[in-house]
């Protein structure tokens, strides 16, 4: 009886994980995050921007959503190459897709504005 119960629990957990993964098109996003922290020189901002933009287009073509954080990460990459207008667009898109991120994103925007004013 315990083996049957264990099998059912494992099946439910695995199917839940599989279903959650299919909601979003993750593309290269997870591997880009990994590389940015563990192999920093390998994922330059320019490379990440291209790959994230491709992931967004692929998600659209598949009719899937982009995962939480993708647009915020893209905004950070745009900002790191000096493209503040595209950075703001990406950050605003993150907020519109995931309203629960508003406090975090607004904090990022406010800090970046303060840093920009301090560098004048």
PDB file of N, CA and C in Angstrom:
ATOM      1  N   UNK A   1       0.817  -1.188   0.000  1.00  0.00           N
ATOM      2  CA  UNK A   1       0.000   0.000   0.000  1.00  0.00           C
ATOM      3  C   UNK A   1       0.863   1.256   0.000  1.00  0.00           C
ATOM      4  N   UNK A   2       1.963   1.264   0.782  1.00  0.00           N
ATOM      5  CA  UNK A   2       2.852   2.426   0.830  1.00  0.00           C
ATOM      6  C   UNK A   2       3.499   2.698  -0.521  1.00  0.00           C
ATOM      7  N   UNK A   3       3.833   1.639  -1.256  1.00  0.00           N
ATOM      8  CA  UNK A   3       4.444   1.814  -2.582  1.00  0.00           C
ATOM      9  C   UNK A   3       3.461   2.460  -3.544  1.00  0.00           C
ATOM     10  N   UNK A   4       2.210   2.078  -3.450  1.00  0.00           N
ATOM     11  CA  UNK A   4       1.189   2.657  -4.330  1.00  0.00           C
ATOM     12  C   UNK A   4       0.994   4.130  -4.006  1.00  0.00           C
ATOM     13  N   UNK A   5       0.912   4.444  -2.732  1.00  0.00           N
ATOM     14  CA  UNK A   5       0.748   5.827  -2.308  1.00  0.00           C
ATOM     15  C   UNK A   5       1.952   6.668  -2.726  1.00  0.00           C
ATOM     16  N   UNK A   6       3.142   6.138  -2.545  1.00  0.00           N
ATOM     17  CA  UNK A   6       4.358   6.838  -2.945  1.00  0.00           C
ATOM     18  C   UNK A   6       4.372   7.069  -4.454  1.00  0.00           C
ATOM     19  N   UNK A   7       3.969   6.086  -5.217  1.00  0.00           N
ATOM     20  CA  UNK A   7       3.921   6.211  -6.671  1.00  0.00           C
ATOM     21  C   UNK A   7       2.929   7.296  -7.092  1.00  0.00           C
ATOM     22  N   UNK A   8       1.788   7.344  -6.434  1.00  0.00           N
ATOM     23  CA  UNK A   8       0.782   8.366  -6.748  1.00  0.00           C
ATOM     24  C   UNK A   8       1.311   9.753  -6.424  1.00  0.00           C
ATOM     25  N   UNK A   9       1.933   9.899  -5.258  1.00  0.00           N
ATOM     26  CA  UNK A   9       2.473  11.200  -4.850  1.00  0.00           C
ATOM     27  C   UNK A   9       3.555  11.654  -5.831  1.00  0.00           C
ATOM     28  N   UNK A  10       4.445  10.783  -6.190  1.00  0.00           N
ATOM     29  CA  UNK A  10       5.514  11.129  -7.140  1.00  0.00           C
ATOM     30  C   UNK A  10       4.918  11.513  -8.489  1.00  0.00           C
ATOM     31  N   UNK A  11       3.925  10.777  -8.938  1.00  0.00           N
ATOM     32  CA  UNK A  11       3.281  11.082 -10.225  1.00  0.00           C
ATOM     33  C   UNK A  11       2.624  12.460 -10.211  1.00  0.00           C
ATOM     34  N   UNK A  12       1.944  12.770  -9.128  1.00  0.00           N
ATOM     35  CA  UNK A  12       1.280  14.075  -9.015  1.00  0.00           C
ATOM     36  C   UNK A  12       2.311  15.197  -9.015  1.00  0.00           C
ATOM     37  N   UNK A  13       3.377  15.024  -8.236  1.00  0.00           N
ATOM     38  CA  UNK A  13       4.411  16.057  -8.158  1.00  0.00           C
ATOM     39  C   UNK A  13       5.073  16.259  -9.511  1.00  0.00           C
ATOM     40  N   UNK A  14       5.426  15.174 -10.170  1.00  0.00           N
ATOM     41  CA  UNK A  14       6.085  15.287 -11.469  1.00  0.00           C
ATOM     42  C   UNK A  14       5.168  15.884 -12.522  1.00  0.00           C
ATOM     43  N   UNK A  15       3.908  15.521 -12.501  1.00  0.00           N
ATOM     44  CA  UNK A  15       2.989  16.090 -13.490  1.00  0.00           C
ATOM     45  C   UNK A  15       2.759  17.574 -13.220  1.00  0.00           C
ATOM     46  N   UNK A  16       2.749  17.981 -11.971  1.00  0.00           N
ATOM     47  CA  UNK A  16       2.595  19.404 -11.643  1.00  0.00           C
ATOM     48  C   UNK A  16       3.799  20.188 -12.142  1.00  0.00           C
ATOM     49  N   UNK A  17       4.980  19.637 -11.963  1.00  0.00           N
ATOM     50  CA  UNK A  17       6.181  20.310 -12.447  1.00  0.00           C
ATOM     51  C   UNK A  17       6.170  20.412 -13.969  1.00  0.00           C
ATOM     52  N   UNK A  18       5.777  19.352 -14.623  1.00  0.00           N
ATOM     53  CA  UNK A  18       5.732  19.353 -16.087  1.00  0.00           C
ATOM     54  C   UNK A  18       4.707  20.355 -16.591  1.00  0.00           C
ATOM     55  N   UNK A  19       3.572  20.449 -15.940  1.00  0.00           N
ATOM     56  CA  UNK A  19       2.551  21.397 -16.372  1.00  0.00           C
ATOM     57  C   UNK A  19       2.988  22.837 -16.174  1.00  0.00           C
ATOM     58  N   UNK A  20       3.642  23.141 -15.057  1.00  0.00           N
ATOM     59  CA  UNK A  20       4.107  24.503 -14.816  1.00  0.00           C
ATOM     60  C   UNK A  20       5.158  24.916 -15.833  1.00  0.00           C
ATOM     61  N   UNK A  21       6.001  23.996 -16.221  1.00  0.00           N
ATOM     62  CA  UNK A  21       7.049  24.294 -17.184  1.00  0.00           C
ATOM     63  C   UNK A  21       6.450  24.635 -18.547  1.00  0.00           C
ATOM     64  N   UNK A  22       5.304  24.028 -18.874  1.00  0.00           N
ATOM     65  CA  UNK A  22       4.726  24.245 -20.196  1.00  0.00           C
ATOM     66  C   UNK A  22       3.946  25.551 -20.304  1.00  0.00           C
ATOM     67  N   UNK A  23       3.693  26.241 -19.199  1.00  0.00           N
ATOM     68  CA  UNK A  23       2.991  27.518 -19.247  1.00  0.00           C
ATOM     69  C   UNK A  23       3.856  28.557 -19.955  1.00  0.00           C
ATOM     70  N   UNK A  24       5.149  28.514 -19.700  1.00  0.00           N
ATOM     71  CA  UNK A  24       6.074  29.508 -20.215  1.00  0.00           C
ATOM     72  C   UNK A  24       7.023  28.903 -21.229  1.00  0.00           C
ATOM     73  N   UNK A  25       7.515  29.757 -22.103  1.00  0.00           N
ATOM     74  CA  UNK A  25       8.624  29.357 -22.972  1.00  0.00           C
ATOM     75  C   UNK A  25       9.896  29.918 -22.332  1.00  0.00           C
ATOM     76  N   UNK A  26      10.676  29.030 -21.740  1.00  0.00           N
ATOM     77  CA  UNK A  26      11.859  29.463 -21.007  1.00  0.00           C
ATOM     78  C   UNK A  26      13.041  29.748 -21.924  1.00  0.00           C
ATOM     79  N   UNK A  27      13.133  29.075 -23.036  1.00  0.00           N
ATOM     80  CA  UNK A  27      14.228  29.310 -23.979  1.00  0.00           C
ATOM     81  C   UNK A  27      15.588  29.263 -23.307  1.00  0.00           C
ATOM     82  N   UNK A  28      16.399  30.282 -23.559  1.00  0.00           N
ATOM     83  CA  UNK A  28      17.762  30.358 -23.021  1.00  0.00           C
ATOM     84  C   UNK A  28      17.837  31.066 -21.674  1.00  0.00           C
ATOM     85  N   UNK A  29      16.691  31.547 -21.190  1.00  0.00           N
ATOM     86  CA  UNK A  29      16.682  32.397 -20.000  1.00  0.00           C
ATOM     87  C   UNK A  29      17.376  31.755 -18.800  1.00  0.00           C
ATOM     88  N   UNK A  30      17.026  30.530 -18.478  1.00  0.00           N
ATOM     89  CA  UNK A  30      17.632  29.880 -17.306  1.00  0.00           C
ATOM     90  C   UNK A  30      19.133  29.684 -17.473  1.00  0.00           C
ATOM     91  N   UNK A  31      19.553  29.277 -18.657  1.00  0.00           N
ATOM     92  CA  UNK A  31      20.992  29.068 -18.862  1.00  0.00           C
ATOM     93  C   UNK A  31      21.748  30.404 -18.872  1.00  0.00           C
ATOM     94  N   UNK A  32      21.098  31.477 -19.358  1.00  0.00           N
ATOM     95  CA  UNK A  32      21.732  32.796 -19.310  1.00  0.00           C
ATOM     96  C   UNK A  32      21.945  33.252 -17.871  1.00  0.00           C
ATOM     97  N   UNK A  33      20.940  33.035 -17.033  1.00  0.00           N
ATOM     98  CA  UNK A  33      21.091  33.396 -15.625  1.00  0.00           C
ATOM     99  C   UNK A  33      22.222  32.607 -14.982  1.00  0.00           C
ATOM    100  N   UNK A  34      22.264  31.315 -15.260  1.00  0.00           N
ATOM    101  CA  UNK A  34      23.317  30.475 -14.703  1.00  0.00           C
ATOM    102  C   UNK A  34      24.686  30.992 -15.144  1.00  0.00           C
ATOM    103  N   UNK A  35      24.835  31.228 -16.443  1.00  0.00           N
ATOM    104  CA  UNK A  35      26.119  31.698 -16.962  1.00  0.00           C
ATOM    105  C   UNK A  35      26.505  33.047 -16.376  1.00  0.00           C
ATOM    106  N   UNK A  36      25.539  33.938 -16.223  1.00  0.00           N
ATOM    107  CA  UNK A  36      25.875  35.274 -15.731  1.00  0.00           C
ATOM    108  C   UNK A  36      26.448  35.238 -14.320  1.00  0.00           C
ATOM    109  N   UNK A  37      26.076  34.224 -13.535  1.00  0.00           N
ATOM    110  CA  UNK A  37      26.600  34.120 -12.168  1.00  0.00           C
ATOM    111  C   UNK A  37      27.786  33.172 -12.046  1.00  0.00           C
ATOM    112  N   UNK A  38      27.818  32.138 -12.878  1.00  0.00           N
ATOM    113  CA  UNK A  38      28.864  31.122 -12.712  1.00  0.00           C
ATOM    114  C   UNK A  38      29.963  31.186 -13.770  1.00  0.00           C
ATOM    115  N   UNK A  39      29.694  31.772 -14.925  1.00  0.00           N
ATOM    116  CA  UNK A  39      30.688  31.925 -15.980  1.00  0.00           C
ATOM    117  C   UNK A  39      30.513  33.328 -16.573  1.00  0.00           C
ATOM    118  N   UNK A  40      30.808  34.365 -15.788  1.00  0.00           N
ATOM    119  CA  UNK A  40      30.449  35.732 -16.161  1.00  0.00           C
ATOM    120  C   UNK A  40      30.940  36.204 -17.533  1.00  0.00           C
ATOM    121  N   UNK A  41      32.109  35.861 -17.953  1.00  0.00           N
ATOM    122  CA  UNK A  41      32.630  36.341 -19.236  1.00  0.00           C
ATOM    123  C   UNK A  41      31.956  35.731 -20.444  1.00  0.00           C
ATOM    124  N   UNK A  42      31.245  34.650 -20.248  1.00  0.00           N
ATOM    125  CA  UNK A  42      30.664  33.922 -21.380  1.00  0.00           C
ATOM    126  C   UNK A  42      29.357  34.535 -21.876  1.00  0.00           C
ATOM    127  N   UNK A  43      28.626  35.181 -21.011  1.00  0.00           N
ATOM    128  CA  UNK A  43      27.332  35.742 -21.402  1.00  0.00           C
ATOM    129  C   UNK A  43      27.339  37.248 -21.340  1.00  0.00           C
ATOM    130  N   UNK A  44      27.981  37.887 -22.311  1.00  0.00           N
ATOM    131  CA  UNK A  44      28.036  39.342 -22.313  1.00  0.00           C
ATOM    132  C   UNK A  44      26.629  39.914 -22.470  1.00  0.00           C
ATOM    133  N   UNK A  45      26.414  41.154 -22.058  1.00  0.00           N
ATOM    134  CA  UNK A  45      25.090  41.757 -22.215  1.00  0.00           C
ATOM    135  C   UNK A  45      24.574  41.722 -23.655  1.00  0.00           C
ATOM    136  N   UNK A  46      25.449  41.970 -24.626  1.00  0.00           N
ATOM    137  CA  UNK A  46      25.016  41.942 -26.027  1.00  0.00           C
ATOM    138  C   UNK A  46      24.506  40.566 -26.439  1.00  0.00           C
ATOM    139  N   UNK A  47      25.209  39.530 -26.024  1.00  0.00           N
ATOM    140  CA  UNK A  47      24.786  38.159 -26.335  1.00  0.00           C
ATOM    141  C   UNK A  47      23.461  37.852 -25.647  1.00  0.00           C
ATOM    142  N   UNK A  48      23.349  38.255 -24.391  1.00  0.00           N
ATOM    143  CA  UNK A  48      22.121  37.987 -23.650  1.00  0.00           C
ATOM    144  C   UNK A  48      20.927  38.720 -24.250  1.00  0.00           C
ATOM    145  N   UNK A  49      21.132  39.953 -24.689  1.00  0.00           N
ATOM    146  CA  UNK A  49      20.042  40.719 -25.306  1.00  0.00           C
ATOM    147  C   UNK A  49      19.527  39.990 -26.540  1.00  0.00           C
ATOM    148  N   UNK A  50      20.429  39.557 -27.393  1.00  0.00           N
ATOM    149  CA  UNK A  50      20.028  38.848 -28.612  1.00  0.00           C
ATOM    150  C   UNK A  50      19.252  37.579 -28.260  1.00  0.00           C
ATOM    151  N   UNK A  51      19.778  36.802 -27.334  1.00  0.00           N
ATOM    152  CA  UNK A  51      19.125  35.538 -26.974  1.00  0.00           C
ATOM    153  C   UNK A  51      17.765  35.767 -26.305  1.00  0.00           C
ATOM    154  N   UNK A  52      17.669  36.762 -25.432  1.00  0.00           N
ATOM    155  CA  UNK A  52      16.391  37.048 -24.773  1.00  0.00           C
ATOM    156  C   UNK A  52      15.356  37.557 -25.771  1.00  0.00           C
ATOM    157  N   UNK A  53      15.781  38.400 -26.701  1.00  0.00           N
ATOM    158  CA  UNK A  53      14.856  38.878 -27.736  1.00  0.00           C
ATOM    159  C   UNK A  53      14.367  37.710 -28.602  1.00  0.00           C
ATOM    160  N   UNK A  54      15.262  36.774 -28.914  1.00  0.00           N
ATOM    161  CA  UNK A  54      14.862  35.582 -29.671  1.00  0.00           C
ATOM    162  C   UNK A  54      13.870  34.744 -28.876  1.00  0.00           C
ATOM    163  N   UNK A  55      14.107  34.615 -27.576  1.00  0.00           N
ATOM    164  CA  UNK A  55      13.189  33.854 -26.724  1.00  0.00           C
ATOM    165  C   UNK A  55      11.805  34.488 -26.686  1.00  0.00           C
ATOM    166  N   UNK A  56      11.748  35.807 -26.663  1.00  0.00           N
ATOM    167  CA  UNK A  56      10.463  36.510 -26.648  1.00  0.00           C
ATOM    168  C   UNK A  56       9.709  36.236 -27.947  1.00  0.00           C
ATOM    169  N   UNK A  57      10.407  36.322 -29.066  1.00  0.00           N
ATOM    170  CA  UNK A  57       9.763  36.054 -30.359  1.00  0.00           C
ATOM    171  C   UNK A  57       9.300  34.596 -30.465  1.00  0.00           C
ATOM    172  N   UNK A  58      10.119  33.686 -29.960  1.00  0.00           N
ATOM    173  CA  UNK A  58       9.763  32.260 -29.986  1.00  0.00           C
ATOM    174  C   UNK A  58       8.530  32.008 -29.120  1.00  0.00           C
ATOM    175  N   UNK A  59       8.474  32.620 -27.955  1.00  0.00           N
ATOM    176  CA  UNK A  59       7.317  32.468 -27.065  1.00  0.00           C
ATOM    177  C   UNK A  59       6.051  32.950 -27.774  1.00  0.00           C
ATOM    178  N   UNK A  60       6.152  34.092 -28.439  1.00  0.00           N
ATOM    179  CA  UNK A  60       5.003  34.618 -29.178  1.00  0.00           C
ATOM    180  C   UNK A  60       4.560  33.648 -30.264  1.00  0.00           C
ATOM    181  N   UNK A  61       5.528  33.108 -31.000  1.00  0.00           N
ATOM    182  CA  UNK A  61       5.184  32.197 -32.102  1.00  0.00           C
ATOM    183  C   UNK A  61       4.573  30.891 -31.598  1.00  0.00           C
ATOM    184  N   UNK A  62       4.943  30.484 -30.386  1.00  0.00           N
ATOM    185  CA  UNK A  62       4.387  29.265 -29.792  1.00  0.00           C
ATOM    186  C   UNK A  62       3.089  29.525 -29.035  1.00  0.00           C
ATOM    187  N   UNK A  63       2.730  30.789 -28.886  1.00  0.00           N
ATOM    188  CA  UNK A  63       1.541  31.143 -28.115  1.00  0.00           C
ATOM    189  C   UNK A  63       1.712  30.917 -26.627  1.00  0.00           C
ATOM    190  N   UNK A  64       2.968  31.023 -26.155  1.00  0.00           N
ATOM    191  CA  UNK A  64       3.253  30.843 -24.729  1.00  0.00           C
ATOM    192  C   UNK A  64       3.677  32.157 -24.109  1.00  0.00           C
ATOM    193  N   UNK A  65       3.664  32.185 -22.800  1.00  0.00           N
ATOM    194  CA  UNK A  65       4.069  33.367 -22.053  1.00  0.00           C
ATOM    195  C   UNK A  65       5.573  33.361 -21.830  1.00  0.00           C
ATOM    196  N   UNK A  66       6.119  34.556 -21.622  1.00  0.00           N
ATOM    197  CA  UNK A  66       7.512  34.643 -21.188  1.00  0.00           C
ATOM    198  C   UNK A  66       7.528  34.439 -19.681  1.00  0.00           C
ATOM    199  N   UNK A  67       8.574  33.840 -19.152  1.00  0.00           N
ATOM    200  CA  UNK A  67       8.612  33.565 -17.714  1.00  0.00           C
ATOM    201  C   UNK A  67       8.832  34.828 -16.892  1.00  0.00           C
ATOM    202  N   UNK A  68       8.443  34.776 -15.628  1.00  0.00           N
ATOM    203  CA  UNK A  68       8.677  35.918 -14.745  1.00  0.00           C
ATOM    204  C   UNK A  68      10.165  36.244 -14.676  1.00  0.00           C
ATOM    205  N   UNK A  69      10.478  37.515 -14.756  1.00  0.00           N
ATOM    206  CA  UNK A  69      11.863  37.955 -14.634  1.00  0.00           C
ATOM    207  C   UNK A  69      12.569  38.152 -15.956  1.00  0.00           C
ATOM    208  N   UNK A  70      12.065  37.574 -17.036  1.00  0.00           N
ATOM    209  CA  UNK A  70      12.764  37.669 -18.316  1.00  0.00           C
ATOM    210  C   UNK A  70      12.862  39.126 -18.772  1.00  0.00           C
ATOM    211  N   UNK A  71      11.753  39.845 -18.751  1.00  0.00           N
ATOM    212  CA  UNK A  71      11.800  41.244 -19.184  1.00  0.00           C
ATOM    213  C   UNK A  71      12.623  42.105 -18.226  1.00  0.00           C
ATOM    214  N   UNK A  72      12.595  41.808 -16.942  1.00  0.00           N
ATOM    215  CA  UNK A  72      13.422  42.548 -15.984  1.00  0.00           C
ATOM    216  C   UNK A  72      14.898  42.315 -16.281  1.00  0.00           C
ATOM    217  N   UNK A  73      15.249  41.083 -16.564  1.00  0.00           N
ATOM    218  CA  UNK A  73      16.637  40.756 -16.899  1.00  0.00           C
ATOM    219  C   UNK A  73      17.039  41.447 -18.197  1.00  0.00           C
ATOM    220  N   UNK A  74      16.131  41.420 -19.181  1.00  0.00           N
ATOM    221  CA  UNK A  74      16.407  42.095 -20.447  1.00  0.00           C
ATOM    222  C   UNK A  74      16.604  43.595 -20.206  1.00  0.00           C
ATOM    223  N   UNK A  75      15.766  44.189 -19.363  1.00  0.00           N
ATOM    224  CA  UNK A  75      15.919  45.601 -19.034  1.00  0.00           C
ATOM    225  C   UNK A  75      17.260  45.897 -18.398  1.00  0.00           C
ATOM    226  N   UNK A  76      17.688  45.014 -17.513  1.00  0.00           N
ATOM    227  CA  UNK A  76      18.998  45.174 -16.870  1.00  0.00           C
ATOM    228  C   UNK A  76      20.116  45.097 -17.905  1.00  0.00           C
ATOM    229  N   UNK A  77      19.985  44.187 -18.872  1.00  0.00           N
ATOM    230  CA  UNK A  77      20.999  44.060 -19.919  1.00  0.00           C
ATOM    231  C   UNK A  77      21.017  45.302 -20.812  1.00  0.00           C
ATOM    232  N   UNK A  78      19.834  45.809 -21.171  1.00  0.00           N
ATOM    233  CA  UNK A  78      19.782  47.051 -21.956  1.00  0.00           C
ATOM    234  C   UNK A  78      20.457  48.187 -21.194  1.00  0.00           C
ATOM    235  N   UNK A  79      20.167  48.307 -19.916  1.00  0.00           N
ATOM    236  CA  UNK A  79      20.767  49.373 -19.109  1.00  0.00           C
ATOM    237  C   UNK A  79      22.287  49.221 -19.054  1.00  0.00           C
ATOM    238  N   UNK A  80      22.758  47.984 -18.997  1.00  0.00           N
ATOM    239  CA  UNK A  80      24.208  47.768 -18.881  1.00  0.00           C
ATOM    240  C   UNK A  80      24.954  48.141 -20.157  1.00  0.00           C
ATOM    241  N   UNK A  81      24.247  48.206 -21.299  1.00  0.00           N
ATOM    242  CA  UNK A  81      24.899  48.658 -22.531  1.00  0.00           C
ATOM    243  C   UNK A  81      24.544  50.102 -22.850  1.00  0.00           C
ATOM    244  N   UNK A  82      23.850  50.783 -21.912  1.00  0.00           N
ATOM    245  CA  UNK A  82      23.560  52.194 -22.059  1.00  0.00           C
ATOM    246  C   UNK A  82      22.290  52.547 -22.812  1.00  0.00           C
ATOM    247  N   UNK A  83      21.428  51.584 -23.058  1.00  0.00           N
ATOM    248  CA  UNK A  83      20.184  51.856 -23.773  1.00  0.00           C
ATOM    249  C   UNK A  83      19.039  52.005 -22.762  1.00  0.00           C
ATOM    250  N   UNK A  84      18.951  53.209 -22.187  1.00  0.00           N
ATOM    251  CA  UNK A  84      17.991  53.421 -21.104  1.00  0.00           C
ATOM    252  C   UNK A  84      16.539  53.388 -21.571  1.00  0.00           C
ATOM    253  N   UNK A  85      16.259  53.799 -22.797  1.00  0.00           N
ATOM    254  CA  UNK A  85      14.861  53.790 -23.256  1.00  0.00           C
ATOM    255  C   UNK A  85      14.346  52.364 -23.408  1.00  0.00           C
ATOM    256  N   UNK A  86      15.150  51.472 -23.993  1.00  0.00           N
ATOM    257  CA  UNK A  86      14.729  50.070 -24.108  1.00  0.00           C
ATOM    258  C   UNK A  86      14.712  49.393 -22.740  1.00  0.00           C
ATOM    259  N   UNK A  87      15.603  49.823 -21.851  1.00  0.00           N
ATOM    260  CA  UNK A  87      15.609  49.270 -20.493  1.00  0.00           C
ATOM    261  C   UNK A  87      14.295  49.591 -19.798  1.00  0.00           C
ATOM    262  N   UNK A  88      13.852  50.848 -19.909  1.00  0.00           N
ATOM    263  CA  UNK A  88      12.596  51.247 -19.280  1.00  0.00           C
ATOM    264  C   UNK A  88      11.410  50.498 -19.888  1.00  0.00           C
ATOM    265  N   UNK A  89      11.410  50.330 -21.207  1.00  0.00           N
ATOM    266  CA  UNK A  89      10.328  49.592 -21.867  1.00  0.00           C
ATOM    267  C   UNK A  89      10.249  48.158 -21.339  1.00  0.00           C
ATOM    268  N   UNK A  90      11.405  47.519 -21.223  1.00  0.00           N
ATOM    269  CA  UNK A  90      11.433  46.135 -20.750  1.00  0.00           C
ATOM    270  C   UNK A  90      10.971  46.045 -19.298  1.00  0.00           C
ATOM    271  N   UNK A  91      11.406  46.978 -18.469  1.00  0.00           N
ATOM    272  CA  UNK A  91      10.999  46.964 -17.061  1.00  0.00           C
ATOM    273  C   UNK A  91       9.497  47.226 -16.920  1.00  0.00           C
ATOM    274  N   UNK A  92       8.974  48.126 -17.715  1.00  0.00           N
ATOM    275  CA  UNK A  92       7.529  48.385 -17.685  1.00  0.00           C
ATOM    276  C   UNK A  92       6.751  47.166 -18.175  1.00  0.00           C
ATOM    277  N   UNK A  93       7.287  46.460 -19.155  1.00  0.00           N
ATOM    278  CA  UNK A  93       6.640  45.240 -19.645  1.00  0.00           C
ATOM    279  C   UNK A  93       6.611  44.173 -18.551  1.00  0.00           C
ATOM    280  N   UNK A  94       7.690  44.061 -17.797  1.00  0.00           N
ATOM    281  CA  UNK A  94       7.731  43.107 -16.681  1.00  0.00           C
ATOM    282  C   UNK A  94       6.616  43.433 -15.695  1.00  0.00           C
ATOM    283  N   UNK A  95       6.455  44.702 -15.377  1.00  0.00           N
ATOM    284  CA  UNK A  95       5.401  45.104 -14.439  1.00  0.00           C
ATOM    285  C   UNK A  95       4.015  44.817 -14.994  1.00  0.00           C
ATOM    286  N   UNK A  96       3.813  45.031 -16.283  1.00  0.00           N
ATOM    287  CA  UNK A  96       2.482  44.806 -16.845  1.00  0.00           C
ATOM    288  C   UNK A  96       2.150  43.316 -16.909  1.00  0.00           C
ATOM    289  N   UNK A  97       3.149  42.485 -17.185  1.00  0.00           N
ATOM    290  CA  UNK A  97       2.918  41.039 -17.248  1.00  0.00           C
ATOM    291  C   UNK A  97       2.817  40.412 -15.864  1.00  0.00           C
ATOM    292  N   UNK A  98       3.576  40.938 -14.917  1.00  0.00           N
ATOM    293  CA  UNK A  98       3.628  40.379 -13.569  1.00  0.00           C
ATOM    294  C   UNK A  98       3.486  41.520 -12.563  1.00  0.00           C
ATOM    295  N   UNK A  99       2.252  41.969 -12.313  1.00  0.00           N
ATOM    296  CA  UNK A  99       2.024  43.112 -11.418  1.00  0.00           C
ATOM    297  C   UNK A  99       2.627  42.934 -10.027  1.00  0.00           C
ATOM    298  N   UNK A 100       2.789  41.696  -9.600  1.00  0.00           N
ATOM    299  CA  UNK A 100       3.384  41.465  -8.284  1.00  0.00           C
ATOM    300  C   UNK A 100       4.848  41.909  -8.234  1.00  0.00           C
ATOM    301  N   UNK A 101       5.449  42.176  -9.395  1.00  0.00           N
ATOM    302  CA  UNK A 101       6.843  42.623  -9.436  1.00  0.00           C
ATOM    303  C   UNK A 101       6.970  44.141  -9.363  1.00  0.00           C
ATOM    304  N   UNK A 102       5.857  44.856  -9.272  1.00  0.00           N
ATOM    305  CA  UNK A 102       5.866  46.320  -9.342  1.00  0.00           C
ATOM    306  C   UNK A 102       6.785  46.957  -8.310  1.00  0.00           C
ATOM    307  N   UNK A 103       6.722  46.536  -7.066  1.00  0.00           N
ATOM    308  CA  UNK A 103       7.563  47.136  -6.017  1.00  0.00           C
ATOM    309  C   UNK A 103       9.041  46.932  -6.338  1.00  0.00           C
ATOM    310  N   UNK A 104       9.407  45.733  -6.743  1.00  0.00           N
ATOM    311  CA  UNK A 104      10.797  45.443  -7.086  1.00  0.00           C
ATOM    312  C   UNK A 104      11.244  46.269  -8.288  1.00  0.00           C
ATOM    313  N   UNK A 105      10.453  46.267  -9.342  1.00  0.00           N
ATOM    314  CA  UNK A 105      10.835  46.984 -10.561  1.00  0.00           C
ATOM    315  C   UNK A 105      10.889  48.495 -10.311  1.00  0.00           C
ATOM    316  N   UNK A 106       9.904  49.029  -9.595  1.00  0.00           N
ATOM    317  CA  UNK A 106       9.939  50.458  -9.284  1.00  0.00           C
ATOM    318  C   UNK A 106      11.182  50.810  -8.465  1.00  0.00           C
ATOM    319  N   UNK A 107      11.573  49.936  -7.573  1.00  0.00           N
ATOM    320  CA  UNK A 107      12.795  50.150  -6.805  1.00  0.00           C
ATOM    321  C   UNK A 107      14.023  50.166  -7.694  1.00  0.00           C
ATOM    322  N   UNK A 108      14.069  49.253  -8.671  1.00  0.00           N
ATOM    323  CA  UNK A 108      15.186  49.218  -9.623  1.00  0.00           C
ATOM    324  C   UNK A 108      15.236  50.510 -10.428  1.00  0.00           C
ATOM    325  N   UNK A 109      14.062  50.965 -10.876  1.00  0.00           N
ATOM    326  CA  UNK A 109      13.995  52.190 -11.673  1.00  0.00           C
ATOM    327  C   UNK A 109      14.443  53.385 -10.843  1.00  0.00           C
ATOM    328  N   UNK A 110      13.937  53.494  -9.623  1.00  0.00           N
ATOM    329  CA  UNK A 110      14.309  54.628  -8.760  1.00  0.00           C
ATOM    330  C   UNK A 110      15.797  54.642  -8.446  1.00  0.00           C
ATOM    331  N   UNK A 111      16.375  53.469  -8.170  1.00  0.00           N
ATOM    332  CA  UNK A 111      17.814  53.405  -7.894  1.00  0.00           C
ATOM    333  C   UNK A 111      18.621  53.788  -9.119  1.00  0.00           C
ATOM    334  N   UNK A 112      18.184  53.346 -10.293  1.00  0.00           N
ATOM    335  CA  UNK A 112      18.944  53.677 -11.502  1.00  0.00           C
ATOM    336  C   UNK A 112      18.845  55.163 -11.816  1.00  0.00           C
ATOM    337  N   UNK A 113      17.691  55.770 -11.541  1.00  0.00           N
ATOM    338  CA  UNK A 113      17.543  57.219 -11.757  1.00  0.00           C
ATOM    339  C   UNK A 113      18.429  58.000 -10.794  1.00  0.00           C
ATOM    340  N   UNK A 114      18.491  57.554  -9.534  1.00  0.00           N
ATOM    341  CA  UNK A 114      19.341  58.225  -8.554  1.00  0.00           C
ATOM    342  C   UNK A 114      20.807  58.098  -8.942  1.00  0.00           C
ATOM    343  N   UNK A 115      21.189  56.907  -9.438  1.00  0.00           N
ATOM    344  CA  UNK A 115      22.578  56.711  -9.868  1.00  0.00           C
ATOM    345  C   UNK A 115      22.909  57.596 -11.065  1.00  0.00           C
ATOM    346  N   UNK A 116      21.949  57.721 -11.988  1.00  0.00           N
ATOM    347  CA  UNK A 116      22.173  58.562 -13.167  1.00  0.00           C
ATOM    348  C   UNK A 116      22.333  60.032 -12.754  1.00  0.00           C
ATOM    349  N   UNK A 117      21.529  60.479 -11.801  1.00  0.00           N
ATOM    350  CA  UNK A 117      21.630  61.863 -11.316  1.00  0.00           C
ATOM    351  C   UNK A 117      22.948  62.083 -10.582  1.00  0.00           C
ATOM    352  N   UNK A 118      23.395  61.081  -9.863  1.00  0.00           N
ATOM    353  CA  UNK A 118      24.657  61.198  -9.122  1.00  0.00           C
ATOM    354  C   UNK A 118      25.862  61.232 -10.029  1.00  0.00           C
ATOM    355  N   UNK A 119      25.736  60.693 -11.238  1.00  0.00           N
ATOM    356  CA  UNK A 119      26.853  60.664 -12.181  1.00  0.00           C
ATOM    357  C   UNK A 119      26.938  61.907 -13.058  1.00  0.00           C
ATOM    358  N   UNK A 120      26.019  62.853 -12.861  1.00  0.00           N
ATOM    359  CA  UNK A 120      26.035  64.076 -13.690  1.00  0.00           C
ATOM    360  C   UNK A 120      27.067  65.044 -13.203  1.00  0.00           C
TER     361      UNK A 120
END
